[in-house]
């Protein structure tokens, strides 16, 4: 099972990234667990300076932007 984490304080872009990440995971048909990391100290532990960010299995894959569903699918596949 993939662990997908949305790193962000709950801004509109963060919500959009969470939405698109779920769509991408469902499109791939993979088992996943989506976690929203909103605590700034936890986000800093990932070394992320710009939100939103997406981490897959603990590794940050994208920061500071909201990629398309297809781009996200490639990152989590």
Protein backbone atom coordinates (compact mmCIF):
# COMPACT_ATOMS: atom_id res chain seq x y z
CA UNK A 1 0.00 0.00 0.00
CA UNK A 2 1.29 3.44 -0.97
CA UNK A 3 1.43 6.13 1.68
CA UNK A 4 0.52 9.45 0.08
CA UNK A 5 1.02 12.59 2.13
CA UNK A 6 -0.18 16.06 1.28
CA UNK A 7 2.02 18.61 3.04
CA UNK A 8 0.33 21.95 3.54
CA UNK A 9 -1.59 24.10 5.97
CA UNK A 10 -4.97 23.56 4.33
CA UNK A 11 -4.85 26.29 1.68
CA UNK A 12 -6.99 25.95 -1.50
CA UNK A 13 -3.96 24.64 -3.45
CA UNK A 14 -3.35 22.02 -0.75
CA UNK A 15 -6.96 20.86 -0.98
CA UNK A 16 -6.73 20.73 -4.78
CA UNK A 17 -3.55 18.65 -4.60
CA UNK A 18 -5.25 16.21 -2.20
CA UNK A 19 -8.23 15.92 -4.55
CA UNK A 20 -6.08 15.31 -7.65
CA UNK A 21 -3.84 12.84 -5.81
CA UNK A 22 -6.89 10.77 -4.85
CA UNK A 23 -8.09 10.86 -8.48
CA UNK A 24 -4.66 9.72 -9.70
CA UNK A 25 -4.48 6.86 -7.18
CA UNK A 26 -7.98 5.70 -8.10
CA UNK A 27 -7.15 5.94 -11.80
CA UNK A 28 -4.12 3.68 -11.20
CA UNK A 29 -6.25 1.32 -9.13
CA UNK A 30 -3.65 1.14 -6.36
CA UNK A 31 -4.18 0.67 -2.66
CA UNK A 32 -3.27 3.84 -0.86
CA UNK A 33 -3.55 5.75 2.37
CA UNK A 34 -3.89 9.54 2.06
CA UNK A 35 -2.66 11.63 4.94
CA UNK A 36 -2.82 15.40 5.21
CA UNK A 37 0.14 16.82 7.11
CA UNK A 38 -0.88 20.29 8.29
CA UNK A 39 1.51 20.84 11.22
CA UNK A 40 4.22 23.26 10.10
CA UNK A 41 6.86 21.51 12.24
CA UNK A 42 6.06 18.16 10.61
CA UNK A 43 6.21 19.77 7.16
CA UNK A 44 9.63 21.24 8.01
CA UNK A 45 10.89 17.75 8.93
CA UNK A 46 10.42 16.83 5.26
CA UNK A 47 12.66 19.79 4.30
CA UNK A 48 9.76 21.41 2.45
CA UNK A 49 9.86 25.21 2.22
CA UNK A 50 6.99 25.71 -0.25
CA UNK A 51 3.56 24.17 -0.02
CA UNK A 52 1.66 22.34 -1.23
CA UNK A 53 3.90 19.32 -1.45
CA UNK A 54 3.31 15.63 -2.17
CA UNK A 55 5.29 12.87 -0.48
CA UNK A 56 5.05 9.24 -1.60
CA UNK A 57 6.15 6.65 0.94
CA UNK A 58 7.99 9.37 2.87
CA UNK A 59 9.83 10.85 -0.13
CA UNK A 60 8.91 14.33 -1.33
CA UNK A 61 8.04 14.21 -5.04
CA UNK A 62 6.73 17.71 -5.76
CA UNK A 63 6.67 21.06 -3.94
CA UNK A 64 5.15 24.46 -4.49
CA UNK A 65 2.75 23.52 -7.29
CA UNK A 66 -0.28 21.45 -8.17
CA UNK A 67 0.56 19.04 -11.01
CA UNK A 68 -2.06 17.44 -13.27
CA UNK A 69 -3.69 14.09 -12.45
CA UNK A 70 -1.51 12.41 -15.09
CA UNK A 71 1.70 13.92 -13.65
CA UNK A 72 0.70 12.80 -10.14
CA UNK A 73 -0.09 9.31 -11.44
CA UNK A 74 3.47 9.06 -12.82
CA UNK A 75 4.90 10.16 -9.45
CA UNK A 76 2.96 7.60 -7.42
CA UNK A 77 2.98 4.66 -9.84
